Amino acid sequence: MTLWEFSCGAEGFAEANGAKPKGGGEISDDRLAELGIEGF
């Protein structure tokens, strides 16, 4: 079993058993500027 297959299997198992997805979301422009990232 490859790492990709394991990852997909674990994700499918979590989905089937009611696990909540991790909330990542996008980083705001203000937060990017605070981190010193410009020109996006």
Protein backbone atom coordinates (compact mmCIF):
# COMPACT_ATOMS: atom_id res chain seq x y z
CA MET A 1 0.00 0.00 0.00
CA THR A 2 1.39 3.37 -0.96
CA LEU A 3 1.25 6.47 1.21
CA TRP A 4 -1.35 7.96 -1.15
CA GLU A 5 -3.59 4.89 -0.82
CA PHE A 6 -3.26 4.96 2.96
CA SER A 7 -4.11 8.66 3.09
CA CYS A 8 -7.23 8.16 0.95
CA GLY A 9 -8.29 5.16 3.02
CA ALA A 10 -7.87 7.04 6.29
CA GLU A 11 -9.79 10.03 4.91
CA GLY A 12 -12.62 7.80 3.69
CA PHE A 13 -12.80 5.97 7.02
CA ALA A 14 -12.99 9.27 8.91
CA GLU A 15 -15.73 10.56 6.58
CA ALA A 16 -17.75 7.37 6.89
CA ASN A 17 -17.58 7.48 10.68
CA GLY A 18 -18.67 11.10 11.09
CA ALA A 19 -15.34 12.84 11.64
CA LYS A 20 -15.50 16.59 11.19
CA PRO A 21 -13.24 18.11 8.53
CA LYS A 22 -10.36 20.24 9.74
CA GLY A 23 -11.05 23.93 9.30
CA GLY A 24 -8.16 25.56 7.53
CA GLY A 25 -9.62 28.34 5.50
CA GLU A 26 -7.73 31.00 3.67
CA ILE A 27 -5.30 33.44 5.20
CA SER A 28 -6.44 37.06 5.00
CA ASP A 29 -4.39 39.68 3.17
CA ASP A 30 -3.77 41.47 6.47
CA ARG A 31 -2.38 38.30 8.05
CA LEU A 32 -0.11 37.70 5.04
CA ALA A 33 1.19 41.26 5.33
CA GLU A 34 1.91 40.70 9.05
CA LEU A 35 3.96 37.64 8.09
CA GLY A 36 5.97 39.72 5.63
CA ILE A 37 4.50 38.20 2.48
CA GLU A 38 3.85 40.77 -0.22
CA GLY A 39 2.97 40.86 -3.90
CA PHE A 40 0.24 38.24 -3.99
